[in-house]
C-alpha atoms as a PDB file:
ATOM      1  CA  MET A   1      59.241  -3.366  59.261  1.00  0.00           C
ATOM      2  CA  PRO A   2      59.690  -5.999  56.810  1.00  0.00           C
ATOM      3  CA  ALA A   3      59.047  -9.155  58.254  1.00  0.00           C
ATOM      4  CA  ILE A   4      57.347 -11.351  55.921  1.00  0.00           C
ATOM      5  CA  THR A   5      55.126  -9.425  53.044  1.00  0.00           C
ATOM      6  CA  ALA A   6      53.087 -11.049  50.610  1.00  0.00           C
ATOM      7  CA  ASP A   7      50.618  -9.831  47.998  1.00  0.00           C
ATOM      8  CA  THR A   8      47.191 -10.173  50.426  1.00  0.00           C
ATOM      9  CA  LEU A   9      44.973 -10.824  47.041  1.00  0.00           C
ATOM     10  CA  THR A  10      46.763 -14.091  46.523  1.00  0.00           C
ATOM     11  CA  LEU A  11      46.408 -15.353  49.828  1.00  0.00           C
ATOM     12  CA  PRO A  12      43.763 -17.457  51.727  1.00  0.00           C
ATOM     13  CA  ARG A  13      41.168 -15.174  53.171  1.00  0.00           C
ATOM     14  CA  ILE A  14      39.374 -15.008  56.693  1.00  0.00           C
ATOM     15  CA  ALA A  15      36.195 -15.884  56.659  1.00  0.00           C
ATOM     16  CA  ALA A  16      33.498 -12.925  57.107  1.00  0.00           C
ATOM     17  CA  PRO A  17      31.418 -13.060  60.683  1.00  0.00           C
ATOM     18  CA  ALA A  18      28.566 -15.177  61.018  1.00  0.00           C
ATOM     19  CA  PRO A  19      25.670 -13.519  61.942  1.00  0.00           C
ATOM     20  CA  ALA A  20      25.579 -15.151  65.431  1.00  0.00           C
ATOM     21  CA  ASP A  21      28.912 -13.930  66.484  1.00  0.00           C
ATOM     22  CA  THR A  22      29.822 -11.219  68.987  1.00  0.00           C
ATOM     23  CA  GLU A  23      33.002  -9.270  68.776  1.00  0.00           C
ATOM     24  CA  ARG A  24      35.000  -9.122  71.844  1.00  0.00           C
ATOM     25  CA  PRO A  25      34.387  -6.227  74.368  1.00  0.00           C
ATOM     26  CA  VAL A  26      38.010  -4.171  75.496  1.00  0.00           C
ATOM     27  CA  ARG A  27      38.290  -4.930  79.196  1.00  0.00           C
ATOM     28  CA  SER A  28      41.526  -2.381  79.148  1.00  0.00           C
ATOM     29  CA  ILE A  29      44.299  -0.447  77.390  1.00  0.00           C
ATOM     30  CA  THR A  30      47.707  -0.041  79.023  1.00  0.00           C
ATOM     31  CA  THR A  31      50.656   1.758  77.912  1.00  0.00           C
ATOM     32  CA  GLY A  32      54.168  -0.335  78.238  1.00  0.00           C
ATOM     33  CA  PRO A  33      56.805   1.511  80.020  1.00  0.00           C
ATOM     34  CA  ARG A  34      60.433   1.074  78.707  1.00  0.00           C
ATOM     35  CA  GLY A  35      63.432  -0.123  80.307  1.00  0.00           C
ATOM     36  CA  PHE A  36      66.600  -2.233  79.391  1.00  0.00           C
ATOM     37  CA  GLU A  37      67.188  -5.877  79.594  1.00  0.00           C
ATOM     38  CA  GLY A  38      70.378  -7.728  79.534  1.00  0.00           C
ATOM     39  CA  GLU A  39      73.469  -5.756  78.557  1.00  0.00           C
ATOM     40  CA  GLY A  40      71.523  -2.940  77.873  1.00  0.00           C
ATOM     41  CA  PHE A  41      69.216  -3.421  74.983  1.00  0.00           C
ATOM     42  CA  PRO A  42      66.139  -1.035  75.069  1.00  0.00           C
ATOM     43  CA  VAL A  43      62.730  -2.498  75.790  1.00  0.00           C
ATOM     44  CA  VAL A  44      59.217  -1.790  76.320  1.00  0.00           C
ATOM     45  CA  ARG A  45      57.473  -3.911  79.087  1.00  0.00           C
ATOM     46  CA  ALA A  46      54.215  -4.498  77.287  1.00  0.00           C
ATOM     47  CA  PHE A  47      52.107  -6.610  80.103  1.00  0.00           C
ATOM     48  CA  ALA A  48      53.510  -3.932  82.668  1.00  0.00           C
ATOM     49  CA  GLY A  49      50.493  -3.350  84.935  1.00  0.00           C
ATOM     50  CA  VAL A  50      48.113  -6.180  83.574  1.00  0.00           C
ATOM     51  CA  ALA A  51      47.002  -8.653  86.071  1.00  0.00           C
ATOM     52  CA  ALA A  52      48.288 -11.895  86.005  1.00  0.00           C
ATOM     53  CA  ALA A  53      44.550 -13.633  85.433  1.00  0.00           C
ATOM     54  CA  ASP A  54      44.562 -11.626  82.210  1.00  0.00           C
ATOM     55  CA  LEU A  55      47.719 -12.723  80.795  1.00  0.00           C
ATOM     56  CA  ASP A  56      47.597 -16.184  81.705  1.00  0.00           C
ATOM     57  CA  PRO A  57      48.994 -18.767  79.851  1.00  0.00           C
ATOM     58  CA  PHE A  58      51.566 -15.818  79.181  1.00  0.00           C
ATOM     59  CA  VAL A  59      54.163 -14.598  81.710  1.00  0.00           C
ATOM     60  CA  HIS A  60      55.987 -11.576  80.349  1.00  0.00           C
ATOM     61  CA  MET A  61      56.412  -9.846  76.455  1.00  0.00           C
ATOM     62  CA  ASP A  62      59.230  -6.914  75.793  1.00  0.00           C
ATOM     63  CA  GLN A  63      59.011  -5.392  72.169  1.00  0.00           C
ATOM     64  CA  MET A  64      62.895  -5.050  71.780  1.00  0.00           C
ATOM     65  CA  GLY A  65      63.713  -1.784  70.012  1.00  0.00           C
ATOM     66  CA  GLU A  66      62.438  -0.591  67.249  1.00  0.00           C
ATOM     67  CA  VAL A  67      66.142   1.202  67.429  1.00  0.00           C
ATOM     68  CA  GLU A  68      68.731   2.052  64.526  1.00  0.00           C
ATOM     69  CA  TYR A  69      72.233   1.176  66.583  1.00  0.00           C
ATOM     70  CA  GLU A  70      75.178   3.231  65.748  1.00  0.00           C
ATOM     71  CA  PRO A  71      78.302   1.042  65.331  1.00  0.00           C
ATOM     72  CA  GLY A  72      79.151  -0.637  68.585  1.00  0.00           C
ATOM     73  CA  GLU A  73      76.476  -0.214  70.446  1.00  0.00           C
ATOM     74  CA  PRO A  74      74.289  -3.393  69.614  1.00  0.00           C
ATOM     75  CA  ARG A  75      73.168  -5.408  72.900  1.00  0.00           C
ATOM     76  CA  GLY A  76      71.917  -8.398  74.085  1.00  0.00           C
ATOM     77  CA  THR A  77      72.489 -10.941  76.739  1.00  0.00           C
ATOM     78  CA  ASP A  78      74.960 -13.064  78.305  1.00  0.00           C
ATOM     79  CA  TRP A  79      74.770 -16.634  79.102  1.00  0.00           C
ATOM     80  CA  HIS A  80      71.707 -17.036  81.415  1.00  0.00           C
ATOM     81  CA  PRO A  81      69.185 -20.136  82.989  1.00  0.00           C
ATOM     82  CA  HIS A  82      65.733 -21.011  82.146  1.00  0.00           C
ATOM     83  CA  ARG A  83      63.409 -23.100  83.628  1.00  0.00           C
ATOM     84  CA  GLY A  84      59.386 -23.721  83.421  1.00  0.00           C
ATOM     85  CA  PHE A  85      58.504 -22.052  80.781  1.00  0.00           C
ATOM     86  CA  GLU A  86      59.033 -21.248  77.015  1.00  0.00           C
ATOM     87  CA  THR A  87      60.797 -18.439  75.329  1.00  0.00           C
ATOM     88  CA  VAL A  88      59.535 -16.962  72.081  1.00  0.00           C
ATOM     89  CA  THR A  89      61.905 -14.756  69.993  1.00  0.00           C
ATOM     90  CA  TYR A  90      60.438 -12.880  67.373  1.00  0.00           C
ATOM     91  CA  MET A  91      62.678 -10.883  65.226  1.00  0.00           C
ATOM     92  CA  ILE A  92      60.550  -8.580  62.429  1.00  0.00           C
ATOM     93  CA  ASP A  93      63.740  -6.462  61.331  1.00  0.00           C
ATOM     94  CA  GLY A  94      67.366  -7.218  62.283  1.00  0.00           C
ATOM     95  CA  ARG A  95      69.517 -10.172  63.304  1.00  0.00           C
ATOM     96  CA  PHE A  96      69.900 -11.991  66.789  1.00  0.00           C
ATOM     97  CA  ALA A  97      71.918 -15.102  67.444  1.00  0.00           C
ATOM     98  CA  HIS A  98      71.034 -17.676  69.904  1.00  0.00           C
ATOM     99  CA  GLN A  99      72.641 -20.848  71.675  1.00  0.00           C
ATOM    100  CA  ASP A 100      71.918 -23.238  74.270  1.00  0.00           C
ATOM    101  CA  SER A 101      73.025 -25.690  76.062  1.00  0.00           C
ATOM    102  CA  HIS A 102      71.008 -28.597  74.685  1.00  0.00           C
ATOM    103  CA  GLY A 103      72.430 -28.308  71.092  1.00  0.00           C
ATOM    104  CA  GLY A 104      69.691 -25.611  70.094  1.00  0.00           C
ATOM    105  CA  GLY A 105      70.841 -22.205  68.159  1.00  0.00           C
ATOM    106  CA  GLY A 106      71.303 -20.080  65.022  1.00  0.00           C
ATOM    107  CA  LEU A 107      70.668 -16.609  63.481  1.00  0.00           C
ATOM    108  CA  ILE A 108      67.053 -15.278  63.857  1.00  0.00           C
ATOM    109  CA  THR A 109      66.489 -12.829  61.338  1.00  0.00           C
ATOM    110  CA  ASP A 110      63.724 -10.864  59.296  1.00  0.00           C
ATOM    111  CA  GLY A 111      60.635 -12.602  60.071  1.00  0.00           C
ATOM    112  CA  ALA A 112      62.336 -15.550  61.730  1.00  0.00           C
ATOM    113  CA  THR A 113      61.224 -17.105  65.435  1.00  0.00           C
ATOM    114  CA  GLN A 114      63.097 -19.200  68.041  1.00  0.00           C
ATOM    115  CA  TRP A 115      61.031 -21.445  70.290  1.00  0.00           C
ATOM    116  CA  MET A 116      62.677 -22.357  73.112  1.00  0.00           C
ATOM    117  CA  THR A 117      61.357 -24.842  75.695  1.00  0.00           C
ATOM    118  CA  ALA A 118      63.186 -24.161  78.755  1.00  0.00           C
ATOM    119  CA  GLY A 119      61.197 -27.252  80.780  1.00  0.00           C
ATOM    120  CA  SER A 120      63.475 -28.890  83.100  1.00  0.00           C
ATOM    121  CA  GLY A 121      66.484 -25.949  83.170  1.00  0.00           C
ATOM    122  CA  ILE A 122      68.617 -24.676  79.903  1.00  0.00           C
ATOM    123  CA  LEU A 123      71.303 -22.510  79.686  1.00  0.00           C
ATOM    124  CA  HIS A 124      71.147 -19.686  76.695  1.00  0.00           C
ATOM    125  CA  ILE A 125      72.567 -16.678  74.950  1.00  0.00           C
ATOM    126  CA  GLU A 126      70.809 -14.416  72.704  1.00  0.00           C
ATOM    127  CA  THR A 127      72.808 -11.684  71.263  1.00  0.00           C
ATOM    128  CA  PRO A 128      73.306  -9.606  68.191  1.00  0.00           C
ATOM    129  CA  PRO A 129      75.822 -11.307  65.653  1.00  0.00           C
ATOM    130  CA  ALA A 130      79.638  -9.310  65.490  1.00  0.00           C
ATOM    131  CA  GLU A 131      78.846  -7.592  61.674  1.00  0.00           C
ATOM    132  CA  LEU A 132      75.436  -5.961  63.730  1.00  0.00           C
ATOM    133  CA  VAL A 133      77.823  -4.742  66.379  1.00  0.00           C
ATOM    134  CA  GLU A 134      80.686  -3.684  64.112  1.00  0.00           C
ATOM    135  CA  ARG A 135      78.173  -1.878  61.526  1.00  0.00           C
ATOM    136  CA  GLY A 136      75.277  -0.958  63.637  1.00  0.00           C
ATOM    137  CA  GLY A 137      71.708  -1.479  61.782  1.00  0.00           C
ATOM    138  CA  VAL A 138      68.038  -2.103  62.809  1.00  0.00           C
ATOM    139  CA  PHE A 139      66.934  -4.045  65.296  1.00  0.00           C
ATOM    140  CA  HIS A 140      63.067  -4.849  66.447  1.00  0.00           C
ATOM    141  CA  GLY A 141      61.448  -7.793  67.768  1.00  0.00           C
ATOM    142  CA  ILE A 142      59.734  -9.302  70.557  1.00  0.00           C
ATOM    143  CA  GLN A 143      60.382 -11.905  73.198  1.00  0.00           C
ATOM    144  CA  LEU A 144      57.562 -13.710  74.699  1.00  0.00           C
ATOM    145  CA  TRP A 145      57.233 -15.888  77.699  1.00  0.00           C
ATOM    146  CA  VAL A 146      54.886 -18.687  77.739  1.00  0.00           C
ATOM    147  CA  ASN A 147      54.260 -20.670  80.430  1.00  0.00           C
ATOM    148  CA  LEU A 148      53.850 -24.406  81.049  1.00  0.00           C
ATOM    149  CA  PRO A 149      51.508 -26.175  83.634  1.00  0.00           C
ATOM    150  CA  ARG A 150      52.497 -28.284  86.455  1.00  0.00           C
ATOM    151  CA  ALA A 151      52.678 -31.519  84.313  1.00  0.00           C
ATOM    152  CA  ASP A 152      55.361 -30.149  81.813  1.00  0.00           C
ATOM    153  CA  LYS A 153      57.208 -27.941  84.173  1.00  0.00           C
ATOM    154  CA  PHE A 154      60.380 -30.884  83.886  1.00  0.00           C
ATOM    155  CA  THR A 155      59.701 -31.699  79.893  1.00  0.00           C
ATOM    156  CA  ALA A 156      62.709 -32.189  78.392  1.00  0.00           C
ATOM    157  CA  PRO A 157      64.117 -28.707  76.651  1.00  0.00           C
ATOM    158  CA  ARG A 158      63.522 -28.281  73.146  1.00  0.00           C
ATOM    159  CA  TYR A 159      64.341 -25.561  70.160  1.00  0.00           C
ATOM    160  CA  GLN A 160      62.708 -25.035  67.596  1.00  0.00           C
ATOM    161  CA  ALA A 161      63.916 -22.336  64.652  1.00  0.00           C
ATOM    162  CA  ILE A 162      60.789 -21.058  62.433  1.00  0.00           C
ATOM    163  CA  GLU A 163      62.226 -19.617  59.310  1.00  0.00           C
ATOM    164  CA  GLY A 164      60.067 -16.247  57.828  1.00  0.00           C
ATOM    165  CA  ASN A 165      58.813 -18.477  54.916  1.00  0.00           C
ATOM    166  CA  GLU A 166      57.122 -21.324  57.118  1.00  0.00           C
ATOM    167  CA  VAL A 167      54.944 -18.744  58.811  1.00  0.00           C
ATOM    168  CA  LYS A 168      50.890 -19.239  57.332  1.00  0.00           C
ATOM    169  CA  LEU A 169      50.380 -15.942  55.620  1.00  0.00           C
ATOM    170  CA  LEU A 170      46.381 -14.973  55.585  1.00  0.00           C
ATOM    171  CA  SER A 171      44.768 -12.184  54.182  1.00  0.00           C
ATOM    172  CA  SER A 172      41.855 -10.331  56.112  1.00  0.00           C
ATOM    173  CA  ASP A 173      38.309 -10.889  54.255  1.00  0.00           C
ATOM    174  CA  ASP A 174      38.343  -7.170  52.597  1.00  0.00           C
ATOM    175  CA  GLY A 175      42.152  -7.686  51.417  1.00  0.00           C
ATOM    176  CA  GLY A 176      42.979  -4.897  53.788  1.00  0.00           C
ATOM    177  CA  ALA A 177      45.248  -6.791  56.153  1.00  0.00           C
ATOM    178  CA  LEU A 178      47.987  -9.369  56.008  1.00  0.00           C
ATOM    179  CA  LEU A 179      48.342 -12.019  58.872  1.00  0.00           C
ATOM    180  CA  ARG A 180      51.302 -14.197  59.741  1.00  0.00           C
ATOM    181  CA  VAL A 181      50.525 -17.024  61.762  1.00  0.00           C
ATOM    182  CA  ILE A 182      53.650 -17.920  63.714  1.00  0.00           C
ATOM    183  CA  ALA A 183      51.757 -20.581  66.186  1.00  0.00           C
ATOM    184  CA  GLY A 184      48.130 -22.029  66.670  1.00  0.00           C
ATOM    185  CA  ASP A 185      45.077 -21.916  64.660  1.00  0.00           C
ATOM    186  CA  LEU A 186      43.282 -19.013  63.157  1.00  0.00           C
ATOM    187  CA  ASP A 187      40.358 -19.767  61.066  1.00  0.00           C
ATOM    188  CA  GLY A 188      41.653 -23.270  60.404  1.00  0.00           C
ATOM    189  CA  HIS A 189      44.798 -22.370  59.129  1.00  0.00           C
ATOM    190  CA  VAL A 190      47.570 -23.582  61.580  1.00  0.00           C
ATOM    191  CA  GLY A 191      51.352 -21.735  62.230  1.00  0.00           C
ATOM    192  CA  PRO A 192      54.154 -24.090  62.318  1.00  0.00           C
ATOM    193  CA  GLY A 193      54.831 -23.406  66.155  1.00  0.00           C
ATOM    194  CA  ALA A 194      54.586 -26.320  68.316  1.00  0.00           C
ATOM    195  CA  THR A 195      53.365 -25.522  71.874  1.00  0.00           C
ATOM    196  CA  HIS A 196      53.058 -27.160  74.981  1.00  0.00           C
ATOM    197  CA  THR A 197      50.106 -24.727  75.745  1.00  0.00           C
ATOM    198  CA  PRO A 198      47.378 -24.101  73.499  1.00  0.00           C
ATOM    199  CA  ILE A 199      47.923 -20.596  71.834  1.00  0.00           C
ATOM    200  CA  THR A 200      47.486 -18.357  68.981  1.00  0.00           C
ATOM    201  CA  LEU A 201      50.037 -15.814  68.023  1.00  0.00           C
ATOM    202  CA  ALA A 202      49.619 -13.939  64.755  1.00  0.00           C
ATOM    203  CA  HIS A 203      51.413 -10.800  63.425  1.00  0.00           C
ATOM    204  CA  ALA A 204      49.513  -8.639  61.220  1.00  0.00           C
ATOM    205  CA  THR A 205      49.904  -5.572  59.077  1.00  0.00           C
ATOM    206  CA  ILE A 206      46.481  -3.600  58.459  1.00  0.00           C
ATOM    207  CA  GLN A 207      46.631  -0.738  55.680  1.00  0.00           C
ATOM    208  CA  PRO A 208      45.507   2.591  57.095  1.00  0.00           C
ATOM    209  CA  GLY A 209      41.674   2.753  56.675  1.00  0.00           C
ATOM    210  CA  ALA A 210      41.382  -0.914  57.182  1.00  0.00           C
ATOM    211  CA  ARG A 211      39.474  -3.065  59.712  1.00  0.00           C
ATOM    212  CA  LEU A 212      40.686  -7.005  60.338  1.00  0.00           C
ATOM    213  CA  ASP A 213      37.876  -8.937  62.121  1.00  0.00           C
ATOM    214  CA  ILE A 214      39.092 -12.503  63.126  1.00  0.00           C
ATOM    215  CA  PRO A 215      37.581 -15.415  64.672  1.00  0.00           C
ATOM    216  CA  TRP A 216      38.862 -16.353  68.138  1.00  0.00           C
ATOM    217  CA  ASN A 217      38.578 -19.446  69.993  1.00  0.00           C
ATOM    218  CA  ARG A 218      36.285 -18.791  72.961  1.00  0.00           C
ATOM    219  CA  GLU A 219      38.222 -20.788  75.269  1.00  0.00           C
ATOM    220  CA  PHE A 220      41.140 -18.539  74.926  1.00  0.00           C
ATOM    221  CA  ASN A 221      42.054 -14.997  76.524  1.00  0.00           C
ATOM    222  CA  ALA A 222      42.943 -12.090  73.828  1.00  0.00           C
ATOM    223  CA  LEU A 223      45.466  -9.646  73.288  1.00  0.00           C
ATOM    224  CA  ALA A 224      46.537  -7.353  71.157  1.00  0.00           C
ATOM    225  CA  TYR A 225      49.737  -5.241  71.231  1.00  0.00           C
ATOM    226  CA  ILE A 226      50.371  -2.450  68.802  1.00  0.00           C
ATOM    227  CA  LEU A 227      53.825  -2.677  67.435  1.00  0.00           C
ATOM    228  CA  SER A 228      53.888   0.850  65.382  1.00  0.00           C
ATOM    229  CA  GLY A 229      50.831   2.935  64.165  1.00  0.00           C
ATOM    230  CA  GLN A 230      47.471   3.970  65.665  1.00  0.00           C
ATOM    231  CA  GLY A 231      44.323   2.566  65.295  1.00  0.00           C
ATOM    232  CA  THR A 232      41.141   1.406  67.291  1.00  0.00           C
ATOM    233  CA  VAL A 233      39.951  -1.987  68.744  1.00  0.00           C
ATOM    234  CA  GLY A 234      37.123  -3.376  69.650  1.00  0.00           C
ATOM    235  CA  PRO A 235      33.233  -2.768  69.029  1.00  0.00           C
ATOM    236  CA  VAL A 236      33.064   0.819  70.175  1.00  0.00           C
ATOM    237  CA  ALA A 237      36.509   1.366  68.379  1.00  0.00           C
ATOM    238  CA  HIS A 238      38.404   2.718  71.717  1.00  0.00           C
ATOM    239  CA  PRO A 239      41.865   4.424  70.337  1.00  0.00           C
ATOM    240  CA  ILE A 240      45.319   2.767  70.718  1.00  0.00           C
ATOM    241  CA  ARG A 241      48.742   3.433  69.616  1.00  0.00           C
ATOM    242  CA  GLN A 242      52.279   2.128  69.468  1.00  0.00           C
ATOM    243  CA  GLY A 243      53.396   0.317  72.787  1.00  0.00           C
ATOM    244  CA  GLN A 244      49.840  -0.241  73.920  1.00  0.00           C
ATOM    245  CA  LEU A 245      48.114  -3.529  74.856  1.00  0.00           C
ATOM    246  CA  ALA A 246      44.450  -4.322  74.918  1.00  0.00           C
ATOM    247  CA  VAL A 247      42.785  -6.816  76.792  1.00  0.00           C
ATOM    248  CA  PHE A 248      39.822  -8.097  75.533  1.00  0.00           C
ATOM    249  CA  GLY A 249      36.851  -9.931  77.191  1.00  0.00           C
ATOM    250  CA  PRO A 250      34.634 -12.950  75.976  1.00  0.00           C
ATOM    251  CA  GLY A 251      33.446 -13.286  72.460  1.00  0.00           C
ATOM    252  CA  ASP A 252      33.835 -14.867  69.114  1.00  0.00           C
ATOM    253  CA  ARG A 253      35.872 -12.192  66.987  1.00  0.00           C
ATOM    254  CA  VAL A 254      38.859  -9.745  67.726  1.00  0.00           C
ATOM    255  CA  THR A 255      38.498  -6.575  65.730  1.00  0.00           C
ATOM    256  CA  VAL A 256      41.529  -4.049  65.317  1.00  0.00           C
ATOM    257  CA  ALA A 257      41.378  -0.983  62.611  1.00  0.00           C
ATOM    258  CA  ALA A 258      44.106   1.300  61.236  1.00  0.00           C
ATOM    259  CA  GLN A 259      43.510   5.036  61.135  1.00  0.00           C
ATOM    260  CA  PRO A 260      43.107   6.680  57.741  1.00  0.00           C
ATOM    261  CA  GLN A 261      46.185   8.312  58.385  1.00  0.00           C
ATOM    262  CA  GLN A 262      49.288   7.065  59.591  1.00  0.00           C
ATOM    263  CA  ASP A 263      53.170   8.480  60.332  1.00  0.00           C
ATOM    264  CA  PRO A 264      55.055   8.484  56.948  1.00  0.00           C
ATOM    265  CA  HIS A 265      57.269   6.597  58.284  1.00  0.00           C
ATOM    266  CA  ARG A 266      55.017   3.849  59.815  1.00  0.00           C
ATOM    267  CA  PRO A 267      52.971   3.654  56.886  1.00  0.00           C
ATOM    268  CA  ALA A 268      50.568   0.739  58.366  1.00  0.00           C
ATOM    269  CA  LEU A 269      49.407  -0.092  61.588  1.00  0.00           C
ATOM    270  CA  GLU A 270      51.719  -3.553  63.299  1.00  0.00           C
ATOM    271  CA  VAL A 271      49.916  -5.352  65.442  1.00  0.00           C
ATOM    272  CA  LEU A 272      50.924  -8.616  67.354  1.00  0.00           C
ATOM    273  CA  ILE A 273      47.595 -10.230  68.188  1.00  0.00           C
ATOM    274  CA  LEU A 274      47.668 -13.531  70.790  1.00  0.00           C
ATOM    275  CA  GLY A 275      46.089 -15.626  73.355  1.00  0.00           C
ATOM    276  CA  GLY A 276      46.004 -18.912  74.771  1.00  0.00           C
ATOM    277  CA  ARG A 277      43.710 -21.318  76.982  1.00  0.00           C
ATOM    278  CA  PRO A 278      44.572 -20.095  81.011  1.00  0.00           C
ATOM    279  CA  ILE A 279      46.296 -22.910  82.786  1.00  0.00           C
ATOM    280  CA  ARG A 280      44.993 -21.678  85.992  1.00  0.00           C
ATOM    281  CA  GLU A 281      47.851 -22.346  88.225  1.00  0.00           C
ATOM    282  CA  PRO A 282      49.822 -20.853  90.620  1.00  0.00           C
ATOM    283  CA  VAL A 283      52.703 -18.817  89.379  1.00  0.00           C
ATOM    284  CA  TYR A 284      55.686 -18.032  91.055  1.00  0.00           C
ATOM    285  CA  GLN A 285      58.544 -16.244  89.040  1.00  0.00           C
ATOM    286  CA  TYR A 286      61.804 -15.027  90.265  1.00  0.00           C
ATOM    287  CA  GLY A 287      63.898 -13.705  87.613  1.00  0.00           C
ATOM    288  CA  PRO A 288      64.804 -16.594  84.833  1.00  0.00           C
ATOM    289  CA  PHE A 289      62.423 -19.065  86.886  1.00  0.00           C
ATOM    290  CA  VAL A 290      58.440 -19.806  86.442  1.00  0.00           C
ATOM    291  CA  MET A 291      57.419 -22.159  88.738  1.00  0.00           C
ATOM    292  CA  ASN A 292      54.043 -23.312  90.929  1.00  0.00           C
ATOM    293  CA  SER A 293      55.626 -22.540  94.296  1.00  0.00           C
ATOM    294  CA  LYS A 294      58.289 -20.905  96.586  1.00  0.00           C
ATOM    295  CA  ALA A 295      59.873 -24.181  97.121  1.00  0.00           C
ATOM    296  CA  GLU A 296      59.936 -25.092  93.477  1.00  0.00           C
ATOM    297  CA  LEU A 297      61.709 -21.549  92.838  1.00  0.00           C
ATOM    298  CA  VAL A 298      64.312 -22.502  95.543  1.00  0.00           C
ATOM    299  CA  ARG A 299      64.833 -26.090  93.850  1.00  0.00           C
ATOM    300  CA  ALA A 300      65.700 -24.477  90.744  1.00  0.00           C
ATOM    301  CA  LEU A 301      68.171 -21.719  91.925  1.00  0.00           C
ATOM    302  CA  GLU A 302      70.007 -24.681  93.609  1.00  0.00           C
ATOM    303  CA  ASP A 303      69.767 -27.067  90.479  1.00  0.00           C
ATOM    304  CA  TYR A 304      71.038 -24.279  88.364  1.00  0.00           C
ATOM    305  CA  GLN A 305      74.189 -23.461  90.982  1.00  0.00           C
ATOM    306  CA  ALA A 306      74.314 -27.230  91.041  1.00  0.00           C
ATOM    307  CA  GLY A 307      74.929 -27.100  86.917  1.00  0.00           C
ATOM    308  CA  LYS A 308      72.245 -29.094  86.250  1.00  0.00           C
ATOM    309  CA  PHE A 309      71.013 -27.069  83.874  1.00  0.00           C
ATOM    310  CA  GLY A 310      73.710 -28.115  81.193  1.00  0.00           C
ATOM    311  CA  THR A 311      77.009 -26.137  80.607  1.00  0.00           C
ATOM    312  CA  ILE A 312      78.008 -23.827  78.360  1.00  0.00           C
ATOM    313  CA  PRO A 313      79.802 -25.728  74.905  1.00  0.00           C
ATOM    314  CA  PRO A 314      83.512 -25.251  74.315  1.00  0.00           C
ATOM    315  CA  ASN A 315      83.795 -22.397  71.698  1.00  0.00           C
ATOM    316  CA  ALA A 316      80.448 -20.897  72.701  1.00  0.00           C
ATOM    317  CA  LEU A 317      79.025 -17.904  71.388  1.00  0.00           C
ATOM    318  CA  MET A 318      79.644 -14.778  73.621  1.00  0.00           C
ATOM    319  CA  PRO A 319      79.075 -11.118  72.952  1.00  0.00           C
ATOM    320  CA  HIS A 320      80.556  -9.491  70.777  1.00  0.00           C
ATOM    321  CA  ARG A 321      82.614  -6.285  71.886  1.00  0.00           C
ATOM    322  CA  PRO A 322      84.446  -4.169  69.623  1.00  0.00           C
END
């Protein structure tokens, strides 16, 4: 699981907790079911079974892979629409190609993030590049949907390409964990992702036996999803493992610890930590549209069918089928 790595001894360190700080308790731990997306690539539905109010401002998250494809096996999505939210594709290992109807696009690879604001409407495709389809290889990433508030539902579409070397790298106070801040603020250190809805998104690698204790905005919710390995979360050390999501209650800090013994093939605990300021508006979702009412969903479908989300460009990227 390469993502972006660094020597934690040389990085800025997260401040240790103040005496008055409180750890956020764990409200729930759920296990994401496995399924398939797009043309048939395997995913874990990370948010399945969690109340929408606990997820707000997030709508949906899939862990894509982790899978070692044989030649000819890789799959992605074909061209499809979105409206009313932002899609965040974070590639931990492997490669994914993106293109959209508003000129955005590129190759997302080890540790890079594609941040697409669908806003008023967009068409896009995400698919493994031809060389990955032909040769096979590792594929592992995250796709997260971040809701937009009513005032920004019809904002102009936007594309951000965040390369792996652009994320903000930090160390835990004891040097036992590496944090990659993709978006938002963590202890005064700001990640490169520009968001409409205030959020923090970070990927942490916690060495066996180490404990990560980070400050967290009291106005934000807080979630921790285990990408790989096993450990504990919260002040009473609830056990948690790969494919599980922890929802935290109120407080000042989020704590995650790695078990001293890890699978030899998964030498550290890998965890995605995320949260944001809840929007607290009605959410009506139908497939790739996330709006505030049923009437807006009907309008989104009609606008898409009328071609108002843009057009697939000439010589467009298409799924490669050997």
